[in-house]
Amino acid sequence: MPKIVSSSLCRLKVQMCYFVSNIYQINVNLILVDCLKLTSLEYIGRGLDTLNFNTPTLKSIDFFTSLKDLDAFVTLCATFPELEILNVNIFFKVTTSLTITQPLKHLKQLDIVVLCAFILPNAECDLLWILNILQASPLLQKLSIMVSEHI
């Protein structure tokens, strides 16, 4: 499994990593991002639940996730001591609650894009779970929420 280790890397974008074997596409999941000077991370891919981070100066993170995996990732984000900007693109399938166990102590900006393309007809898109993130973000200064039916 791949690792990204650097003592000087400041910005990183990881987008749907895979390799092709014969005619099959095989997804590759990162297992470690060890970048002491990393300040910005954009991650589009799988395996966030098994990805380990050593990024003490990370200030901005941008990622795609499903609502069912959001709990675990928000908890992970709470462990980044300098995180100020969180951009979340959520694939929304069903209404659910969100439990946040650790505060996002330094979060100043939260941008949420809710992608409702997968909601069944006549199902509601309940966004009250966003209140839990707000309650866990005492320094939040800017909130942006966009709901889209298109990816």
C-alpha atoms as a PDB file:
ATOM      1  CA  MET A   1       0.000   0.000   0.000  1.00  0.00           C
ATOM      2  CA  PRO A   2       1.333   3.444  -0.884  1.00  0.00           C
ATOM      3  CA  LYS A   3       2.610   5.997   1.569  1.00  0.00           C
ATOM      4  CA  ILE A   4       3.368   9.674   1.093  1.00  0.00           C
ATOM      5  CA  VAL A   5       6.288  10.821   3.212  1.00  0.00           C
ATOM      6  CA  SER A   6       7.902  14.235   2.840  1.00  0.00           C
ATOM      7  CA  SER A   7       9.623  16.756   5.066  1.00  0.00           C
ATOM      8  CA  SER A   8       8.937  19.663   2.688  1.00  0.00           C
ATOM      9  CA  LEU A   9       5.576  19.024   0.948  1.00  0.00           C
ATOM     10  CA  CYS A  10       3.061  21.821   1.672  1.00  0.00           C
ATOM     11  CA  ARG A  11       0.085  21.024  -0.600  1.00  0.00           C
ATOM     12  CA  LEU A  12      -1.210  17.641  -1.675  1.00  0.00           C
ATOM     13  CA  LYS A  13      -4.043  16.495  -3.935  1.00  0.00           C
ATOM     14  CA  VAL A  14      -4.869  12.791  -4.083  1.00  0.00           C
ATOM     15  CA  GLN A  15      -7.585  11.816  -6.532  1.00  0.00           C
ATOM     16  CA  MET A  16      -8.955   8.291  -7.104  1.00  0.00           C
ATOM     17  CA  CYS A  17      -5.704   6.350  -7.209  1.00  0.00           C
ATOM     18  CA  TYR A  18      -5.760   3.069  -9.091  1.00  0.00           C
ATOM     19  CA  PHE A  19      -3.723   0.889 -11.403  1.00  0.00           C
ATOM     20  CA  VAL A  20      -4.767  -1.247 -14.338  1.00  0.00           C
ATOM     21  CA  SER A  21      -3.967  -4.947 -14.347  1.00  0.00           C
ATOM     22  CA  ASN A  22      -4.923  -6.713 -17.565  1.00  0.00           C
ATOM     23  CA  ILE A  23      -8.318  -5.133 -18.218  1.00  0.00           C
ATOM     24  CA  TYR A  24      -9.261  -4.480 -14.585  1.00  0.00           C
ATOM     25  CA  GLN A  25      -9.023  -1.240 -12.671  1.00  0.00           C
ATOM     26  CA  ILE A  26      -7.826  -1.855  -9.114  1.00  0.00           C
ATOM     27  CA  ASN A  27      -8.258   0.889  -6.534  1.00  0.00           C
ATOM     28  CA  VAL A  28      -5.260   1.841  -4.439  1.00  0.00           C
ATOM     29  CA  ASN A  29      -5.757   3.148  -0.919  1.00  0.00           C
ATOM     30  CA  LEU A  30      -3.163   5.267   0.806  1.00  0.00           C
ATOM     31  CA  ILE A  31      -2.175   4.038   4.241  1.00  0.00           C
ATOM     32  CA  LEU A  32      -0.036   6.955   5.430  1.00  0.00           C
ATOM     33  CA  VAL A  33       0.402  10.675   4.839  1.00  0.00           C
ATOM     34  CA  ASP A  34       3.473  11.711   6.842  1.00  0.00           C
ATOM     35  CA  CYS A  35       4.192  15.307   5.849  1.00  0.00           C
ATOM     36  CA  LEU A  36       5.255  17.594   8.674  1.00  0.00           C
ATOM     37  CA  LYS A  37       4.857  20.821   6.654  1.00  0.00           C
ATOM     38  CA  LEU A  38       1.628  19.887   4.856  1.00  0.00           C
ATOM     39  CA  THR A  39      -0.897  22.723   5.157  1.00  0.00           C
ATOM     40  CA  SER A  40      -3.453  21.767   2.479  1.00  0.00           C
ATOM     41  CA  LEU A  41      -4.883  18.366   1.557  1.00  0.00           C
ATOM     42  CA  GLU A  42      -7.500  17.478  -1.061  1.00  0.00           C
ATOM     43  CA  TYR A  43      -8.488  13.829  -0.938  1.00  0.00           C
ATOM     44  CA  ILE A  44     -10.876  12.154  -3.355  1.00  0.00           C
ATOM     45  CA  GLY A  45     -10.763   8.424  -2.898  1.00  0.00           C
ATOM     46  CA  ARG A  46     -11.474   5.479  -0.693  1.00  0.00           C
ATOM     47  CA  GLY A  47      -9.876   4.248   2.476  1.00  0.00           C
ATOM     48  CA  LEU A  48     -10.209   7.307   4.700  1.00  0.00           C
ATOM     49  CA  ASP A  49     -11.067   5.000   7.585  1.00  0.00           C
ATOM     50  CA  THR A  50      -7.674   3.259   7.349  1.00  0.00           C
ATOM     51  CA  LEU A  51      -5.531   6.253   6.382  1.00  0.00           C
ATOM     52  CA  ASN A  52      -3.060   7.423   9.032  1.00  0.00           C
ATOM     53  CA  PHE A  53      -1.958  11.038   9.205  1.00  0.00           C
ATOM     54  CA  ASN A  54       1.092  12.758  10.627  1.00  0.00           C
ATOM     55  CA  THR A  55       0.336  16.307   9.490  1.00  0.00           C
ATOM     56  CA  PRO A  56       0.614  18.623  12.494  1.00  0.00           C
ATOM     57  CA  THR A  57       0.444  21.843  10.435  1.00  0.00           C
ATOM     58  CA  LEU A  58      -2.574  20.903   8.283  1.00  0.00           C
ATOM     59  CA  LYS A  59      -4.810  23.981   8.008  1.00  0.00           C
ATOM     60  CA  SER A  60      -7.143  23.056   5.130  1.00  0.00           C
ATOM     61  CA  ILE A  61      -8.722  19.786   4.064  1.00  0.00           C
ATOM     62  CA  ASP A  62     -11.100  19.072   1.192  1.00  0.00           C
ATOM     63  CA  PHE A  63     -12.708  15.659   0.796  1.00  0.00           C
ATOM     64  CA  PHE A  64     -15.609  13.648  -0.607  1.00  0.00           C
ATOM     65  CA  THR A  65     -17.482  11.205   1.620  1.00  0.00           C
ATOM     66  CA  SER A  66     -20.823   9.569   2.175  1.00  0.00           C
ATOM     67  CA  LEU A  67     -22.943  10.744   5.071  1.00  0.00           C
ATOM     68  CA  LYS A  68     -22.539   7.378   6.803  1.00  0.00           C
ATOM     69  CA  ASP A  69     -18.735   7.849   6.863  1.00  0.00           C
ATOM     70  CA  LEU A  70     -18.874  11.494   7.924  1.00  0.00           C
ATOM     71  CA  ASP A  71     -18.884  10.728  11.676  1.00  0.00           C
ATOM     72  CA  ALA A  72     -15.520   8.984  11.500  1.00  0.00           C
ATOM     73  CA  PHE A  73     -13.939  11.631   9.317  1.00  0.00           C
ATOM     74  CA  VAL A  74     -15.126  14.596  11.382  1.00  0.00           C
ATOM     75  CA  THR A  75     -13.673  12.809  14.418  1.00  0.00           C
ATOM     76  CA  LEU A  76     -10.401  12.428  12.502  1.00  0.00           C
ATOM     77  CA  CYS A  77     -10.449  16.116  11.541  1.00  0.00           C
ATOM     78  CA  ALA A  78     -10.754  17.016  15.211  1.00  0.00           C
ATOM     79  CA  THR A  79      -7.286  15.519  15.732  1.00  0.00           C
ATOM     80  CA  PHE A  80      -5.625  18.031  13.387  1.00  0.00           C
ATOM     81  CA  PRO A  81      -4.452  20.728  15.825  1.00  0.00           C
ATOM     82  CA  GLU A  82      -4.246  23.572  13.262  1.00  0.00           C
ATOM     83  CA  LEU A  83      -7.254  22.777  11.029  1.00  0.00           C
ATOM     84  CA  GLU A  84      -9.061  25.994  10.081  1.00  0.00           C
ATOM     85  CA  ILE A  85     -10.803  25.213   6.769  1.00  0.00           C
ATOM     86  CA  LEU A  86     -12.910  22.129   6.129  1.00  0.00           C
ATOM     87  CA  ASN A  87     -14.488  21.561   2.699  1.00  0.00           C
ATOM     88  CA  VAL A  88     -16.826  18.565   2.631  1.00  0.00           C
ATOM     89  CA  ASN A  89     -18.618  17.085  -0.373  1.00  0.00           C
ATOM     90  CA  ILE A  90     -21.176  14.606   0.947  1.00  0.00           C
ATOM     91  CA  PHE A  91     -22.965  11.938  -1.043  1.00  0.00           C
ATOM     92  CA  PHE A  92     -26.316  11.999   0.731  1.00  0.00           C
ATOM     93  CA  LYS A  93     -28.390   8.810   0.509  1.00  0.00           C
ATOM     94  CA  VAL A  94     -30.670   8.742   3.542  1.00  0.00           C
ATOM     95  CA  THR A  95     -31.369  10.994   6.473  1.00  0.00           C
ATOM     96  CA  THR A  96     -29.330  10.179   9.533  1.00  0.00           C
ATOM     97  CA  SER A  97     -27.914  11.783  12.630  1.00  0.00           C
ATOM     98  CA  LEU A  98     -24.340  12.867  13.162  1.00  0.00           C
ATOM     99  CA  THR A  99     -22.563  12.451  16.479  1.00  0.00           C
ATOM    100  CA  ILE A 100     -19.425  14.485  17.041  1.00  0.00           C
ATOM    101  CA  THR A 101     -17.325  13.315  19.966  1.00  0.00           C
ATOM    102  CA  GLN A 102     -14.467  15.832  19.731  1.00  0.00           C
ATOM    103  CA  PRO A 103     -14.650  19.574  19.059  1.00  0.00           C
ATOM    104  CA  LEU A 104     -13.190  21.143  15.936  1.00  0.00           C
ATOM    105  CA  LYS A 105     -11.271  23.615  18.097  1.00  0.00           C
ATOM    106  CA  HIS A 106      -9.665  25.825  15.452  1.00  0.00           C
ATOM    107  CA  LEU A 107     -12.155  25.514  12.593  1.00  0.00           C
ATOM    108  CA  LYS A 108     -12.910  28.953  11.138  1.00  0.00           C
ATOM    109  CA  GLN A 109     -14.454  28.050   7.772  1.00  0.00           C
ATOM    110  CA  LEU A 110     -16.797  25.200   6.877  1.00  0.00           C
ATOM    111  CA  ASP A 111     -17.958  24.613   3.304  1.00  0.00           C
ATOM    112  CA  ILE A 112     -20.472  21.805   2.800  1.00  0.00           C
ATOM    113  CA  VAL A 113     -21.753  20.568  -0.535  1.00  0.00           C
ATOM    114  CA  VAL A 114     -24.557  18.026  -0.128  1.00  0.00           C
ATOM    115  CA  LEU A 115     -24.923  15.914  -3.254  1.00  0.00           C
ATOM    116  CA  CYS A 116     -28.511  14.626  -3.214  1.00  0.00           C
ATOM    117  CA  ALA A 117     -28.349  12.772  -6.524  1.00  0.00           C
ATOM    118  CA  PHE A 118     -28.752   9.424  -4.764  1.00  0.00           C
ATOM    119  CA  ILE A 119     -31.846  10.238  -2.695  1.00  0.00           C
ATOM    120  CA  LEU A 120     -34.910   8.219  -3.558  1.00  0.00           C
ATOM    121  CA  PRO A 121     -37.894  10.098  -4.991  1.00  0.00           C
ATOM    122  CA  ASN A 122     -40.126  11.578  -2.265  1.00  0.00           C
ATOM    123  CA  ALA A 123     -37.372  11.188   0.366  1.00  0.00           C
ATOM    124  CA  GLU A 124     -36.497  14.232   2.440  1.00  0.00           C
ATOM    125  CA  CYS A 125     -33.062  15.804   2.572  1.00  0.00           C
ATOM    126  CA  ASP A 126     -32.853  16.560   6.311  1.00  0.00           C
ATOM    127  CA  LEU A 127     -29.878  18.824   7.056  1.00  0.00           C
ATOM    128  CA  LEU A 128     -30.294  19.138  10.836  1.00  0.00           C
ATOM    129  CA  TRP A 129     -27.122  17.062  11.333  1.00  0.00           C
ATOM    130  CA  ILE A 130     -25.178  20.172  10.310  1.00  0.00           C
ATOM    131  CA  LEU A 131     -26.135  21.743  13.658  1.00  0.00           C
ATOM    132  CA  ASN A 132     -23.967  19.157  15.426  1.00  0.00           C
ATOM    133  CA  ILE A 133     -20.931  20.291  13.442  1.00  0.00           C
ATOM    134  CA  LEU A 134     -21.713  23.919  14.278  1.00  0.00           C
ATOM    135  CA  GLN A 135     -21.970  23.146  17.984  1.00  0.00           C
ATOM    136  CA  ALA A 136     -18.562  21.446  17.849  1.00  0.00           C
ATOM    137  CA  SER A 137     -16.928  24.450  16.126  1.00  0.00           C
ATOM    138  CA  PRO A 138     -16.625  27.307  18.648  1.00  0.00           C
ATOM    139  CA  LEU A 139     -14.440  29.560  16.437  1.00  0.00           C
ATOM    140  CA  LEU A 140     -16.402  29.121  13.200  1.00  0.00           C
ATOM    141  CA  GLN A 141     -16.617  32.415  11.291  1.00  0.00           C
ATOM    142  CA  LYS A 142     -17.810  31.333   7.838  1.00  0.00           C
ATOM    143  CA  LEU A 143     -20.367  28.699   6.874  1.00  0.00           C
ATOM    144  CA  SER A 144     -21.327  27.802   3.316  1.00  0.00           C
ATOM    145  CA  ILE A 145     -23.916  25.126   2.507  1.00  0.00           C
ATOM    146  CA  MET A 146     -24.884  24.119  -0.998  1.00  0.00           C
ATOM    147  CA  VAL A 147     -27.392  21.392  -1.843  1.00  0.00           C
ATOM    148  CA  SER A 148     -27.136  19.956  -5.333  1.00  0.00           C
ATOM    149  CA  GLU A 149     -28.967  17.242  -7.208  1.00  0.00           C
ATOM    150  CA  HIS A 150     -26.049  16.927  -9.622  1.00  0.00           C
ATOM    151  CA  ILE A 151     -22.558  15.594  -9.118  1.00  0.00           C
END
